């Protein structure tokens, strides 16, 4: 299974912006995700300039290679 953490942000222009991160730890909490999102907002390293954290989720999927 492949898991991806998605952090959802708002931007000053009113659009939604999502950052996807592969391989999150199994026991991630909302408090940890919020802290990470706030650090991203504070760093100001993205052109979209997220300014609000709207939530987080984990996408869990199964990948089967064709042989």
Protein backbone atom coordinates (compact mmCIF):
# COMPACT_ATOMS: atom_id res chain seq x y z
CA UNK A 1 0.00 0.00 0.00
CA UNK A 2 1.10 3.52 -0.73
CA UNK A 3 0.05 6.35 1.57
CA UNK A 4 0.12 10.08 0.91
CA UNK A 5 -0.48 12.90 3.36
CA UNK A 6 -2.39 15.78 1.80
CA UNK A 7 -2.29 19.20 3.46
CA UNK A 8 -5.04 21.53 2.25
CA UNK A 9 -4.50 25.30 2.25
CA UNK A 10 -6.27 28.48 1.23
CA UNK A 11 -4.52 31.28 -0.67
CA UNK A 12 -4.95 35.07 -0.61
CA UNK A 13 -6.72 34.88 -4.00
CA UNK A 14 -9.35 32.55 -2.51
CA UNK A 15 -8.25 29.41 -4.33
CA UNK A 16 -7.55 26.05 -2.74
CA UNK A 17 -4.04 24.59 -2.77
CA UNK A 18 -2.96 21.08 -1.76
CA UNK A 19 0.50 19.80 -0.92
CA UNK A 20 0.93 16.02 -1.16
CA UNK A 21 3.70 14.26 0.74
CA UNK A 22 4.49 10.58 0.26
CA UNK A 23 5.29 8.17 3.07
CA UNK A 24 3.81 9.90 6.12
CA UNK A 25 4.39 8.22 9.45
CA UNK A 26 1.65 5.80 10.49
CA UNK A 27 0.76 7.65 13.69
CA UNK A 28 0.53 11.23 12.40
CA UNK A 29 -1.96 13.34 14.34
CA UNK A 30 -3.95 16.40 13.36
CA UNK A 31 -1.81 18.45 15.74
CA UNK A 32 1.36 17.32 13.92
CA UNK A 33 -0.17 17.99 10.51
CA UNK A 34 -1.28 21.44 11.68
CA UNK A 35 2.20 22.23 12.98
CA UNK A 36 3.73 21.17 9.67
CA UNK A 37 1.19 23.25 7.71
CA UNK A 38 1.84 26.31 9.86
CA UNK A 39 5.60 25.91 9.32
CA UNK A 40 4.99 25.79 5.55
CA UNK A 41 2.84 28.92 5.71
CA UNK A 42 5.45 30.70 7.84
CA UNK A 43 8.34 29.77 5.54
CA UNK A 44 6.74 31.49 2.53
CA UNK A 45 8.62 29.31 0.05
CA UNK A 46 5.82 28.68 -2.47
CA UNK A 47 4.63 31.01 -5.22
CA UNK A 48 0.97 30.25 -4.47
CA UNK A 49 1.64 31.63 -0.96
CA UNK A 50 -0.76 29.55 1.16
CA UNK A 51 -2.07 31.65 4.04
CA UNK A 52 -4.51 29.37 5.87
CA UNK A 53 -4.58 25.70 6.81
CA UNK A 54 -7.88 24.06 5.92
CA UNK A 55 -7.28 20.42 6.88
CA UNK A 56 -5.38 17.23 6.21
CA UNK A 57 -6.11 13.72 5.06
CA UNK A 58 -4.33 10.47 4.27
CA UNK A 59 -4.83 8.83 0.88
CA UNK A 60 -4.29 5.08 1.13
CA UNK A 61 -4.07 3.11 -2.09
CA UNK A 62 -2.85 -0.27 -3.26
CA UNK A 63 -0.51 -0.43 -6.22
CA UNK A 64 -0.08 -3.73 -8.06
CA UNK A 65 2.69 -4.03 -10.62
CA UNK A 66 1.85 -5.87 -13.82
CA UNK A 67 4.34 -8.58 -14.56
